[in-house]
Amino acid sequence: MTKVKTLIAAIIAAGLTFGAQSAHAHCDSLDGPVANAVQKALETGNVNPVLAYAPATAQAEIRAAFEKSRKVRGLSPDARALADHAFLETVVRLHRAGEGAAYTGVKPAGIDYGPVIPAAEHAVETGDLAKLKAVLAELIEHALRERLAHVRQLQKAPIEPNTAAEVPHARERVSAELGFAIFAESIRQAALGKGAEHHPD
């Protein structure tokens, strides 16, 4: 039983981690919140809003990189572009480190991360959950229906095989039934706050 529980926990963790990747990647893009904060800081000369996107331990490095970029960017348009990008890379790298994730570079603008992130951002901006709830409800219902239909199809096989030939079909049925329960549990875990969200120290 312990092995089964361990397997279930591992599958849930893997599913939550996979789902977190697009949200984290959103912070790495040129049109993401980190890049927007960086651009505003460089334009206004106020680095403080950028510091909110990285842990306190990264503050000194960010301040030093900011000062260097501010000095270099006045030399020429090319120097400005290079300095701005270098500062953005530094902040994104430290932001990722604060999440316990590897730095994989700055992603281009315009990447489609799906409907959830824009709906979540809308909720944060307006305080209205209606759009986000509708998107999540539709996605969850679709995923549950699809998985349940697969389970019901496989339930044509006996749960207790009488012959060796029936074993593979029974195994597939058991796997699908357990997988459905694991998927439902992963949704519950995420709803309880054991999912992808992370706040820098």
N, C-alpha and C. Protein backbone atom coordinates (compact mmCIF):
# COMPACT_ATOMS: atom_id res chain seq x y z
N MET A 1 0.83 -1.21 0.00
CA MET A 1 0.00 0.00 0.00
C MET A 1 0.86 1.25 0.00
N THR A 2 1.99 1.19 0.71
CA THR A 2 2.88 2.34 0.77
C THR A 2 3.41 2.69 -0.61
N LYS A 3 3.74 1.66 -1.40
CA LYS A 3 4.25 1.91 -2.76
C LYS A 3 3.19 2.59 -3.62
N VAL A 4 1.93 2.18 -3.46
CA VAL A 4 0.84 2.77 -4.23
C VAL A 4 0.68 4.25 -3.85
N LYS A 5 0.71 4.54 -2.54
CA LYS A 5 0.58 5.93 -2.09
C LYS A 5 1.73 6.78 -2.60
N THR A 6 2.93 6.21 -2.58
CA THR A 6 4.10 6.93 -3.08
C THR A 6 3.95 7.23 -4.56
N LEU A 7 3.47 6.24 -5.32
CA LEU A 7 3.26 6.43 -6.76
C LEU A 7 2.23 7.51 -7.02
N ILE A 8 1.13 7.46 -6.28
CA ILE A 8 0.08 8.47 -6.44
C ILE A 8 0.62 9.86 -6.14
N ALA A 9 1.37 10.00 -5.04
CA ALA A 9 1.94 11.30 -4.68
C ALA A 9 2.88 11.82 -5.75
N ALA A 10 3.67 10.91 -6.32
CA ALA A 10 4.62 11.31 -7.37
C ALA A 10 3.90 11.79 -8.62
N ILE A 11 2.82 11.08 -8.99
CA ILE A 11 2.06 11.47 -10.18
C ILE A 11 1.38 12.82 -9.97
N ILE A 12 0.82 13.03 -8.77
CA ILE A 12 0.19 14.31 -8.47
C ILE A 12 1.20 15.44 -8.54
N ALA A 13 2.37 15.22 -7.92
CA ALA A 13 3.42 16.25 -7.93
C ALA A 13 3.87 16.56 -9.34
N ALA A 14 4.01 15.52 -10.15
CA ALA A 14 4.44 15.74 -11.54
C ALA A 14 3.39 16.53 -12.30
N GLY A 15 2.13 16.23 -12.09
CA GLY A 15 1.06 16.94 -12.77
C GLY A 15 1.01 18.40 -12.38
N LEU A 16 1.16 18.69 -11.08
CA LEU A 16 1.15 20.07 -10.63
C LEU A 16 2.36 20.82 -11.13
N THR A 17 3.51 20.17 -11.17
CA THR A 17 4.72 20.81 -11.67
C THR A 17 4.58 21.14 -13.14
N PHE A 18 4.04 20.19 -13.92
CA PHE A 18 3.85 20.43 -15.35
C PHE A 18 2.92 21.60 -15.58
N GLY A 19 1.85 21.66 -14.79
CA GLY A 19 0.90 22.75 -14.94
C GLY A 19 1.50 24.09 -14.54
N ALA A 20 2.47 24.08 -13.65
CA ALA A 20 3.10 25.31 -13.20
C ALA A 20 4.04 25.89 -14.24
N GLN A 21 4.53 25.08 -15.15
CA GLN A 21 5.57 25.53 -16.07
C GLN A 21 5.12 26.71 -16.92
N SER A 22 3.91 26.67 -17.45
CA SER A 22 3.48 27.77 -18.30
C SER A 22 3.31 29.05 -17.51
N ALA A 23 2.85 28.94 -16.26
CA ALA A 23 2.70 30.13 -15.43
C ALA A 23 4.05 30.76 -15.14
N HIS A 24 5.04 29.93 -14.82
CA HIS A 24 6.38 30.45 -14.57
C HIS A 24 6.98 31.02 -15.84
N ALA A 25 6.78 30.36 -16.96
CA ALA A 25 7.34 30.82 -18.22
C ALA A 25 6.76 32.18 -18.59
N HIS A 26 5.52 32.43 -18.21
CA HIS A 26 4.88 33.71 -18.47
C HIS A 26 5.70 34.85 -17.88
N CYS A 27 6.32 34.63 -16.74
CA CYS A 27 7.15 35.65 -16.09
C CYS A 27 8.47 35.85 -16.82
N ASP A 28 8.83 34.93 -17.71
CA ASP A 28 10.09 35.02 -18.45
C ASP A 28 9.95 35.73 -19.78
N SER A 29 8.75 36.08 -20.18
CA SER A 29 8.54 36.61 -21.53
C SER A 29 8.73 38.13 -21.58
N LEU A 30 8.99 38.61 -22.78
CA LEU A 30 9.23 40.04 -22.99
C LEU A 30 8.00 40.90 -22.72
N ASP A 31 6.81 40.28 -22.74
CA ASP A 31 5.60 41.02 -22.42
C ASP A 31 5.00 40.59 -21.08
N GLY A 32 5.80 39.91 -20.26
CA GLY A 32 5.34 39.46 -18.96
C GLY A 32 5.51 40.53 -17.89
N PRO A 33 5.04 40.26 -16.69
CA PRO A 33 5.09 41.27 -15.61
C PRO A 33 6.50 41.66 -15.20
N VAL A 34 7.45 40.72 -15.25
CA VAL A 34 8.83 41.05 -14.86
C VAL A 34 9.43 42.03 -15.87
N ALA A 35 9.25 41.76 -17.16
CA ALA A 35 9.78 42.65 -18.19
C ALA A 35 9.14 44.03 -18.11
N ASN A 36 7.85 44.07 -17.83
CA ASN A 36 7.17 45.36 -17.71
C ASN A 36 7.72 46.18 -16.55
N ALA A 37 7.99 45.50 -15.43
CA ALA A 37 8.56 46.19 -14.27
C ALA A 37 9.97 46.68 -14.56
N VAL A 38 10.74 45.86 -15.27
CA VAL A 38 12.10 46.24 -15.65
C VAL A 38 12.09 47.47 -16.54
N GLN A 39 11.25 47.47 -17.55
CA GLN A 39 11.18 48.61 -18.47
C GLN A 39 10.79 49.89 -17.75
N LYS A 40 9.82 49.77 -16.86
CA LYS A 40 9.38 50.95 -16.12
C LYS A 40 10.50 51.46 -15.21
N ALA A 41 11.22 50.55 -14.58
CA ALA A 41 12.32 50.95 -13.70
C ALA A 41 13.41 51.68 -14.47
N LEU A 42 13.74 51.17 -15.65
CA LEU A 42 14.79 51.80 -16.45
C LEU A 42 14.36 53.18 -16.95
N GLU A 43 13.07 53.34 -17.21
CA GLU A 43 12.57 54.62 -17.71
C GLU A 43 12.45 55.67 -16.60
N THR A 44 12.08 55.22 -15.40
CA THR A 44 11.85 56.15 -14.30
C THR A 44 13.05 56.33 -13.38
N GLY A 45 13.98 55.37 -13.42
CA GLY A 45 15.13 55.43 -12.52
C GLY A 45 14.82 54.88 -11.14
N ASN A 46 13.65 54.30 -10.95
CA ASN A 46 13.25 53.72 -9.67
C ASN A 46 13.26 52.20 -9.76
N VAL A 47 14.22 51.56 -9.10
CA VAL A 47 14.37 50.11 -9.19
C VAL A 47 13.46 49.36 -8.23
N ASN A 48 12.87 50.02 -7.27
CA ASN A 48 12.13 49.34 -6.21
C ASN A 48 11.02 48.41 -6.70
N PRO A 49 10.21 48.79 -7.70
CA PRO A 49 9.17 47.85 -8.16
C PRO A 49 9.74 46.53 -8.69
N VAL A 50 10.95 46.56 -9.25
CA VAL A 50 11.58 45.34 -9.76
C VAL A 50 11.95 44.40 -8.62
N LEU A 51 12.33 44.98 -7.50
CA LEU A 51 12.78 44.17 -6.36
C LEU A 51 11.68 43.25 -5.83
N ALA A 52 10.43 43.61 -6.09
CA ALA A 52 9.32 42.78 -5.63
C ALA A 52 9.26 41.44 -6.36
N TYR A 53 9.94 41.33 -7.50
CA TYR A 53 9.88 40.10 -8.30
C TYR A 53 11.02 39.14 -8.00
N ALA A 54 11.81 39.43 -7.00
CA ALA A 54 12.93 38.54 -6.65
C ALA A 54 13.05 38.48 -5.14
N PRO A 55 13.68 37.43 -4.61
CA PRO A 55 13.83 37.32 -3.16
C PRO A 55 14.75 38.41 -2.61
N ALA A 56 14.63 38.68 -1.33
CA ALA A 56 15.43 39.72 -0.69
C ALA A 56 16.93 39.48 -0.86
N THR A 57 17.32 38.22 -0.92
CA THR A 57 18.74 37.89 -1.06
C THR A 57 19.32 38.36 -2.40
N ALA A 58 18.46 38.64 -3.37
CA ALA A 58 18.91 39.08 -4.69
C ALA A 58 18.93 40.60 -4.83
N GLN A 59 18.52 41.29 -3.80
CA GLN A 59 18.35 42.74 -3.90
C GLN A 59 19.64 43.47 -4.25
N ALA A 60 20.74 43.12 -3.60
CA ALA A 60 22.02 43.81 -3.85
C ALA A 60 22.47 43.61 -5.30
N GLU A 61 22.35 42.38 -5.81
CA GLU A 61 22.76 42.10 -7.19
C GLU A 61 21.90 42.87 -8.19
N ILE A 62 20.61 42.95 -7.92
CA ILE A 62 19.71 43.68 -8.82
C ILE A 62 20.04 45.17 -8.82
N ARG A 63 20.27 45.72 -7.64
CA ARG A 63 20.61 47.15 -7.55
C ARG A 63 21.90 47.46 -8.30
N ALA A 64 22.91 46.58 -8.14
CA ALA A 64 24.19 46.79 -8.82
C ALA A 64 24.02 46.72 -10.34
N ALA A 65 23.27 45.73 -10.81
CA ALA A 65 23.03 45.57 -12.25
C ALA A 65 22.23 46.76 -12.79
N PHE A 66 21.30 47.25 -12.00
CA PHE A 66 20.49 48.40 -12.40
C PHE A 66 21.36 49.64 -12.60
N GLU A 67 22.25 49.89 -11.66
CA GLU A 67 23.12 51.06 -11.75
C GLU A 67 24.03 50.98 -12.98
N LYS A 68 24.56 49.80 -13.24
CA LYS A 68 25.42 49.62 -14.42
C LYS A 68 24.64 49.87 -15.70
N SER A 69 23.46 49.31 -15.77
CA SER A 69 22.64 49.47 -16.97
C SER A 69 22.27 50.94 -17.18
N ARG A 70 21.95 51.65 -16.10
CA ARG A 70 21.57 53.06 -16.22
C ARG A 70 22.73 53.90 -16.74
N LYS A 71 23.94 53.55 -16.36
CA LYS A 71 25.12 54.30 -16.83
C LYS A 71 25.40 54.02 -18.30
N VAL A 72 25.35 52.74 -18.68
CA VAL A 72 25.73 52.34 -20.04
C VAL A 72 24.69 52.74 -21.06
N ARG A 73 23.42 52.71 -20.71
CA ARG A 73 22.35 52.92 -21.69
C ARG A 73 22.35 54.31 -22.29
N GLY A 74 23.05 55.27 -21.68
CA GLY A 74 23.10 56.62 -22.22
C GLY A 74 24.17 56.82 -23.28
N LEU A 75 25.00 55.81 -23.54
CA LEU A 75 26.11 55.96 -24.48
C LEU A 75 25.66 55.98 -25.93
N SER A 76 24.70 55.14 -26.29
CA SER A 76 24.22 55.07 -27.67
C SER A 76 22.96 54.21 -27.70
N PRO A 77 22.21 54.27 -28.81
CA PRO A 77 21.02 53.40 -28.91
C PRO A 77 21.36 51.91 -28.78
N ASP A 78 22.48 51.49 -29.38
CA ASP A 78 22.88 50.08 -29.28
C ASP A 78 23.26 49.72 -27.85
N ALA A 79 23.97 50.63 -27.20
CA ALA A 79 24.36 50.40 -25.80
C ALA A 79 23.13 50.32 -24.91
N ARG A 80 22.17 51.18 -25.21
CA ARG A 80 20.90 51.18 -24.44
C ARG A 80 20.20 49.83 -24.58
N ALA A 81 20.08 49.32 -25.80
CA ALA A 81 19.40 48.04 -26.03
C ALA A 81 20.12 46.90 -25.31
N LEU A 82 21.45 46.89 -25.39
CA LEU A 82 22.23 45.83 -24.74
C LEU A 82 22.12 45.92 -23.21
N ALA A 83 22.21 47.15 -22.69
CA ALA A 83 22.14 47.34 -21.24
C ALA A 83 20.77 46.95 -20.70
N ASP A 84 19.73 47.36 -21.42
CA ASP A 84 18.37 47.03 -20.98
C ASP A 84 18.15 45.52 -20.96
N HIS A 85 18.64 44.85 -22.03
CA HIS A 85 18.45 43.40 -22.11
C HIS A 85 19.27 42.68 -21.04
N ALA A 86 20.47 43.16 -20.79
CA ALA A 86 21.31 42.54 -19.75
C ALA A 86 20.65 42.66 -18.38
N PHE A 87 20.06 43.81 -18.10
CA PHE A 87 19.38 43.98 -16.82
C PHE A 87 18.15 43.09 -16.73
N LEU A 88 17.39 43.01 -17.82
CA LEU A 88 16.22 42.12 -17.84
C LEU A 88 16.64 40.68 -17.59
N GLU A 89 17.68 40.22 -18.25
CA GLU A 89 18.15 38.84 -18.05
C GLU A 89 18.54 38.60 -16.60
N THR A 90 19.20 39.58 -15.99
CA THR A 90 19.60 39.44 -14.59
C THR A 90 18.39 39.30 -13.69
N VAL A 91 17.40 40.15 -13.90
CA VAL A 91 16.20 40.10 -13.05
C VAL A 91 15.42 38.81 -13.24
N VAL A 92 15.25 38.38 -14.49
CA VAL A 92 14.53 37.14 -14.76
C VAL A 92 15.27 35.95 -14.14
N ARG A 93 16.58 35.93 -14.29
CA ARG A 93 17.38 34.83 -13.71
C ARG A 93 17.19 34.76 -12.20
N LEU A 94 17.24 35.91 -11.53
CA LEU A 94 17.10 35.94 -10.07
C LEU A 94 15.66 35.66 -9.65
N HIS A 95 14.72 36.09 -10.48
CA HIS A 95 13.31 35.76 -10.23
C HIS A 95 13.11 34.25 -10.28
N ARG A 96 13.67 33.62 -11.30
CA ARG A 96 13.56 32.17 -11.44
C ARG A 96 14.23 31.45 -10.28
N ALA A 97 15.39 31.95 -9.87
CA ALA A 97 16.09 31.34 -8.74
C ALA A 97 15.23 31.42 -7.48
N GLY A 98 14.51 32.53 -7.32
CA GLY A 98 13.61 32.67 -6.18
C GLY A 98 12.48 31.68 -6.19
N GLU A 99 12.12 31.19 -7.37
CA GLU A 99 11.09 30.16 -7.50
C GLU A 99 11.67 28.76 -7.38
N GLY A 100 13.02 28.68 -7.28
CA GLY A 100 13.67 27.38 -7.25
C GLY A 100 13.75 26.74 -8.61
N ALA A 101 13.71 27.56 -9.67
CA ALA A 101 13.71 27.05 -11.04
C ALA A 101 14.96 27.53 -11.78
N ALA A 102 15.34 26.79 -12.81
CA ALA A 102 16.50 27.14 -13.61
C ALA A 102 16.17 28.28 -14.57
N TYR A 103 17.16 29.09 -14.85
CA TYR A 103 16.99 30.17 -15.83
C TYR A 103 17.13 29.58 -17.23
N THR A 104 16.14 29.80 -18.08
CA THR A 104 16.16 29.23 -19.43
C THR A 104 16.11 30.31 -20.50
N GLY A 105 16.42 31.54 -20.12
CA GLY A 105 16.43 32.63 -21.08
C GLY A 105 15.14 33.42 -21.09
N VAL A 106 15.19 34.57 -21.74
CA VAL A 106 14.00 35.42 -21.87
C VAL A 106 13.22 34.98 -23.10
N LYS A 107 11.94 34.73 -22.93
CA LYS A 107 11.09 34.25 -24.02
C LYS A 107 10.53 35.42 -24.84
N PRO A 108 10.25 35.21 -26.11
CA PRO A 108 9.69 36.28 -26.93
C PRO A 108 8.28 36.66 -26.49
N ALA A 109 7.87 37.85 -26.88
CA ALA A 109 6.51 38.31 -26.58
C ALA A 109 5.51 37.60 -27.48
N GLY A 110 4.27 37.58 -27.02
CA GLY A 110 3.20 37.05 -27.86
C GLY A 110 2.96 35.56 -27.76
N ILE A 111 3.64 34.88 -26.84
CA ILE A 111 3.41 33.44 -26.69
C ILE A 111 2.03 33.21 -26.07
N ASP A 112 1.31 32.26 -26.62
CA ASP A 112 -0.02 31.92 -26.11
C ASP A 112 0.12 30.89 -25.00
N TYR A 113 -0.14 31.31 -23.77
CA TYR A 113 -0.05 30.40 -22.63
C TYR A 113 -1.41 29.83 -22.25
N GLY A 114 -2.41 30.05 -23.10
CA GLY A 114 -3.73 29.54 -22.82
C GLY A 114 -4.61 30.58 -22.14
N PRO A 115 -5.85 30.22 -21.83
CA PRO A 115 -6.81 31.20 -21.33
C PRO A 115 -6.74 31.50 -19.83
N VAL A 116 -6.08 30.64 -19.06
CA VAL A 116 -6.14 30.79 -17.61
C VAL A 116 -5.35 32.00 -17.11
N ILE A 117 -4.12 32.17 -17.59
CA ILE A 117 -3.29 33.27 -17.11
C ILE A 117 -3.94 34.63 -17.40
N PRO A 118 -4.41 34.89 -18.63
CA PRO A 118 -5.09 36.17 -18.86
C PRO A 118 -6.33 36.36 -17.97
N ALA A 119 -7.07 35.28 -17.75
CA ALA A 119 -8.26 35.37 -16.90
C ALA A 119 -7.87 35.64 -15.45
N ALA A 120 -6.78 35.03 -15.00
CA ALA A 120 -6.30 35.27 -13.63
C ALA A 120 -5.82 36.71 -13.48
N GLU A 121 -5.11 37.21 -14.50
CA GLU A 121 -4.65 38.60 -14.46
C GLU A 121 -5.83 39.56 -14.45
N HIS A 122 -6.87 39.22 -15.19
CA HIS A 122 -8.08 40.05 -15.21
C HIS A 122 -8.71 40.09 -13.81
N ALA A 123 -8.74 38.93 -13.14
CA ALA A 123 -9.30 38.87 -11.79
C ALA A 123 -8.48 39.73 -10.83
N VAL A 124 -7.16 39.67 -10.95
CA VAL A 124 -6.28 40.46 -10.08
C VAL A 124 -6.52 41.96 -10.31
N GLU A 125 -6.68 42.35 -11.56
CA GLU A 125 -6.86 43.76 -11.90
C GLU A 125 -8.23 44.29 -11.50
N THR A 126 -9.26 43.47 -11.62
CA THR A 126 -10.63 43.94 -11.41
C THR A 126 -11.28 43.47 -10.11
N GLY A 127 -10.75 42.39 -9.54
CA GLY A 127 -11.39 41.81 -8.37
C GLY A 127 -12.57 40.92 -8.72
N ASP A 128 -12.80 40.70 -10.01
CA ASP A 128 -13.93 39.91 -10.48
C ASP A 128 -13.45 38.51 -10.89
N LEU A 129 -13.98 37.50 -10.23
CA LEU A 129 -13.57 36.11 -10.49
C LEU A 129 -14.39 35.43 -11.58
N ALA A 130 -15.43 36.08 -12.07
CA ALA A 130 -16.37 35.40 -12.97
C ALA A 130 -15.68 34.79 -14.19
N LYS A 131 -14.84 35.55 -14.85
CA LYS A 131 -14.17 35.07 -16.06
C LYS A 131 -13.26 33.89 -15.75
N LEU A 132 -12.48 34.01 -14.69
CA LEU A 132 -11.56 32.94 -14.32
C LEU A 132 -12.31 31.68 -13.92
N LYS A 133 -13.37 31.83 -13.14
CA LYS A 133 -14.17 30.67 -12.73
C LYS A 133 -14.76 29.96 -13.94
N ALA A 134 -15.24 30.74 -14.91
CA ALA A 134 -15.84 30.14 -16.10
C ALA A 134 -14.80 29.35 -16.90
N VAL A 135 -13.62 29.93 -17.06
CA VAL A 135 -12.55 29.26 -17.81
C VAL A 135 -12.13 27.98 -17.12
N LEU A 136 -11.89 28.06 -15.80
CA LEU A 136 -11.46 26.88 -15.04
C LEU A 136 -12.54 25.80 -15.02
N ALA A 137 -13.78 26.21 -14.82
CA ALA A 137 -14.88 25.24 -14.77
C ALA A 137 -14.99 24.48 -16.09
N GLU A 138 -14.86 25.22 -17.19
CA GLU A 138 -14.96 24.58 -18.51
C GLU A 138 -13.80 23.60 -18.73
N LEU A 139 -12.59 24.04 -18.38
CA LEU A 139 -11.41 23.18 -18.57
C LEU A 139 -11.49 21.92 -17.70
N ILE A 140 -11.88 22.10 -16.44
CA ILE A 140 -11.95 20.97 -15.52
C ILE A 140 -13.04 20.00 -15.94
N GLU A 141 -14.21 20.54 -16.31
CA GLU A 141 -15.31 19.66 -16.73
C GLU A 141 -14.93 18.86 -17.99
N HIS A 142 -14.29 19.55 -18.94
CA HIS A 142 -13.87 18.87 -20.16
C HIS A 142 -12.88 17.75 -19.84
N ALA A 143 -11.90 18.05 -18.99
CA ALA A 143 -10.89 17.05 -18.64
C ALA A 143 -11.51 15.87 -17.90
N LEU A 144 -12.42 16.15 -16.97
CA LEU A 144 -13.07 15.08 -16.21
C LEU A 144 -13.94 14.21 -17.12
N ARG A 145 -14.71 14.83 -17.99
CA ARG A 145 -15.58 14.07 -18.90
C ARG A 145 -14.75 13.18 -19.82
N GLU A 146 -13.66 13.73 -20.35
CA GLU A 146 -12.80 12.98 -21.27
C GLU A 146 -12.19 11.76 -20.57
N ARG A 147 -11.69 11.98 -19.38
CA ARG A 147 -11.07 10.89 -18.63
C ARG A 147 -12.10 9.85 -18.19
N LEU A 148 -13.26 10.32 -17.75
CA LEU A 148 -14.30 9.40 -17.31
C LEU A 148 -14.83 8.56 -18.48
N ALA A 149 -14.97 9.17 -19.64
CA ALA A 149 -15.42 8.43 -20.83
C ALA A 149 -14.43 7.32 -21.15
N HIS A 150 -13.13 7.62 -21.01
CA HIS A 150 -12.09 6.61 -21.25
C HIS A 150 -12.21 5.47 -20.23
N VAL A 151 -12.43 5.83 -18.98
CA VAL A 151 -12.58 4.82 -17.93
C VAL A 151 -13.79 3.94 -18.21
N ARG A 152 -14.91 4.54 -18.55
CA ARG A 152 -16.13 3.77 -18.79
C ARG A 152 -15.97 2.83 -19.98
N GLN A 153 -15.24 3.26 -20.98
CA GLN A 153 -14.99 2.41 -22.13
C GLN A 153 -14.19 1.17 -21.72
N LEU A 154 -13.21 1.38 -20.86
CA LEU A 154 -12.36 0.27 -20.43
C LEU A 154 -13.04 -0.64 -19.42
N GLN A 155 -14.14 -0.19 -18.85
CA GLN A 155 -14.84 -1.02 -17.87
C GLN A 155 -15.58 -2.19 -18.51
N LYS A 156 -15.49 -2.30 -19.81
CA LYS A 156 -16.02 -3.49 -20.48
C LYS A 156 -15.17 -4.70 -20.14
N ALA A 157 -13.94 -4.46 -19.76
CA ALA A 157 -13.04 -5.55 -19.35
C ALA A 157 -13.35 -5.91 -17.90
N PRO A 158 -13.24 -7.18 -17.54
CA PRO A 158 -13.50 -7.58 -16.14
C PRO A 158 -12.45 -7.02 -15.20
N ILE A 159 -12.88 -6.62 -14.02
CA ILE A 159 -11.94 -6.10 -13.02
C ILE A 159 -11.13 -7.23 -12.40
N GLU A 160 -11.71 -8.45 -12.42
CA GLU A 160 -11.00 -9.63 -11.88
C GLU A 160 -10.86 -10.65 -13.02
N PRO A 161 -9.76 -10.61 -13.73
CA PRO A 161 -9.59 -11.50 -14.89
C PRO A 161 -9.56 -12.97 -14.49
N ASN A 162 -10.23 -13.78 -15.29
CA ASN A 162 -10.25 -15.23 -15.06
C ASN A 162 -9.19 -15.96 -15.87
N THR A 163 -8.74 -15.32 -16.93
CA THR A 163 -7.75 -15.96 -17.80
C THR A 163 -6.56 -15.02 -17.99
N ALA A 164 -5.45 -15.60 -18.43
CA ALA A 164 -4.25 -14.80 -18.67
C ALA A 164 -4.48 -13.78 -19.78
N ALA A 165 -5.32 -14.11 -20.74
CA ALA A 165 -5.59 -13.21 -21.85
C ALA A 165 -6.34 -11.96 -21.39
N GLU A 166 -7.10 -12.08 -20.28
CA GLU A 166 -7.88 -10.94 -19.79
C GLU A 166 -7.04 -9.99 -18.93
N VAL A 167 -5.87 -10.42 -18.49
CA VAL A 167 -5.05 -9.62 -17.57
C VAL A 167 -4.65 -8.26 -18.14
N PRO A 168 -4.13 -8.19 -19.38
CA PRO A 168 -3.75 -6.86 -19.90
C PRO A 168 -4.91 -5.86 -19.94
N HIS A 169 -6.10 -6.36 -20.30
CA HIS A 169 -7.27 -5.48 -20.35
C HIS A 169 -7.69 -5.03 -18.95
N ALA A 170 -7.63 -5.95 -18.01
CA ALA A 170 -7.96 -5.61 -16.63
C ALA A 170 -6.94 -4.61 -16.08
N ARG A 171 -5.67 -4.81 -16.43
CA ARG A 171 -4.62 -3.91 -15.98
C ARG A 171 -4.85 -2.50 -16.51
N GLU A 172 -5.24 -2.41 -17.79
CA GLU A 172 -5.52 -1.11 -18.40
C GLU A 172 -6.70 -0.43 -17.73
N ARG A 173 -7.71 -1.24 -17.39
CA ARG A 173 -8.89 -0.70 -16.70
C ARG A 173 -8.51 -0.16 -15.32
N VAL A 174 -7.77 -0.94 -14.57
CA VAL A 174 -7.34 -0.52 -13.23
C VAL A 174 -6.51 0.76 -13.31
N SER A 175 -5.61 0.80 -14.28
CA SER A 175 -4.76 1.98 -14.44
C SER A 175 -5.59 3.23 -14.74
N ALA A 176 -6.59 3.09 -15.60
CA ALA A 176 -7.44 4.23 -15.96
C ALA A 176 -8.29 4.68 -14.77
N GLU A 177 -8.82 3.73 -14.01
CA GLU A 177 -9.66 4.07 -12.87
C GLU A 177 -8.83 4.79 -11.79
N LEU A 178 -7.63 4.26 -11.51
CA LEU A 178 -6.77 4.92 -10.54
C LEU A 178 -6.32 6.28 -11.05
N GLY A 179 -6.02 6.36 -12.34
CA GLY A 179 -5.60 7.63 -12.92
C GLY A 179 -6.67 8.70 -12.82
N PHE A 180 -7.92 8.29 -12.97
CA PHE A 180 -9.02 9.24 -12.86
C PHE A 180 -9.10 9.80 -11.43
N ALA A 181 -8.98 8.91 -10.46
CA ALA A 181 -9.01 9.34 -9.05
C ALA A 181 -7.82 10.24 -8.73
N ILE A 182 -6.66 9.91 -9.27
CA ILE A 182 -5.45 10.71 -9.04
C ILE A 182 -5.61 12.10 -9.64
N PHE A 183 -6.19 12.16 -10.84
CA PHE A 183 -6.40 13.45 -11.48
C PHE A 183 -7.34 14.31 -10.64
N ALA A 184 -8.42 13.72 -10.14
CA ALA A 184 -9.37 14.46 -9.30
C ALA A 184 -8.68 14.95 -8.03
N GLU A 185 -7.84 14.11 -7.45
CA GLU A 185 -7.11 14.49 -6.24
C GLU A 185 -6.13 15.63 -6.51
N SER A 186 -5.51 15.62 -7.69
CA SER A 186 -4.57 16.70 -8.03
C SER A 186 -5.28 18.04 -8.10
N ILE A 187 -6.53 18.04 -8.57
CA ILE A 187 -7.33 19.27 -8.60
C ILE A 187 -7.61 19.74 -7.17
N ARG A 188 -7.96 18.79 -6.30
CA ARG A 188 -8.21 19.15 -4.89
C ARG A 188 -6.97 19.72 -4.24
N GLN A 189 -5.82 19.09 -4.50
CA GLN A 189 -4.56 19.56 -3.92
C GLN A 189 -4.27 20.99 -4.37
N ALA A 190 -4.47 21.25 -5.65
CA ALA A 190 -4.22 22.59 -6.17
C ALA A 190 -5.18 23.60 -5.53
N ALA A 191 -6.44 23.20 -5.33
CA ALA A 191 -7.42 24.10 -4.73
C ALA A 191 -7.09 24.40 -3.27
N LEU A 192 -6.39 23.48 -2.61
CA LEU A 192 -6.01 23.68 -1.22
C LEU A 192 -4.71 24.48 -1.09
N GLY A 193 -4.18 24.93 -2.23
CA GLY A 193 -2.97 25.74 -2.17
C GLY A 193 -1.70 24.96 -2.19
N LYS A 194 -1.74 23.70 -2.66
CA LYS A 194 -0.54 22.88 -2.71
C LYS A 194 -0.05 22.74 -4.14
N GLY A 195 -0.38 23.76 -4.93
CA GLY A 195 0.00 23.74 -6.34
C GLY A 195 1.22 24.56 -6.64
N ALA A 196 1.14 25.41 -7.66
CA ALA A 196 2.31 26.02 -8.25
C ALA A 196 2.66 27.39 -7.71
N GLU A 197 1.77 28.03 -6.96
CA GLU A 197 2.02 29.42 -6.60
C GLU A 197 3.25 29.51 -5.71
N HIS A 198 3.98 30.61 -5.85
CA HIS A 198 5.19 30.80 -5.07
C HIS A 198 5.40 32.28 -4.84
N HIS A 199 5.81 32.62 -3.64
CA HIS A 199 6.08 34.01 -3.33
C HIS A 199 7.53 34.12 -2.91
N PRO A 200 8.31 35.05 -3.51
CA PRO A 200 9.71 35.20 -3.13
C PRO A 200 9.84 35.56 -1.66
N ASP A 201 10.94 35.15 -1.04
CA ASP A 201 11.17 35.48 0.36
C ASP A 201 11.35 36.99 0.54
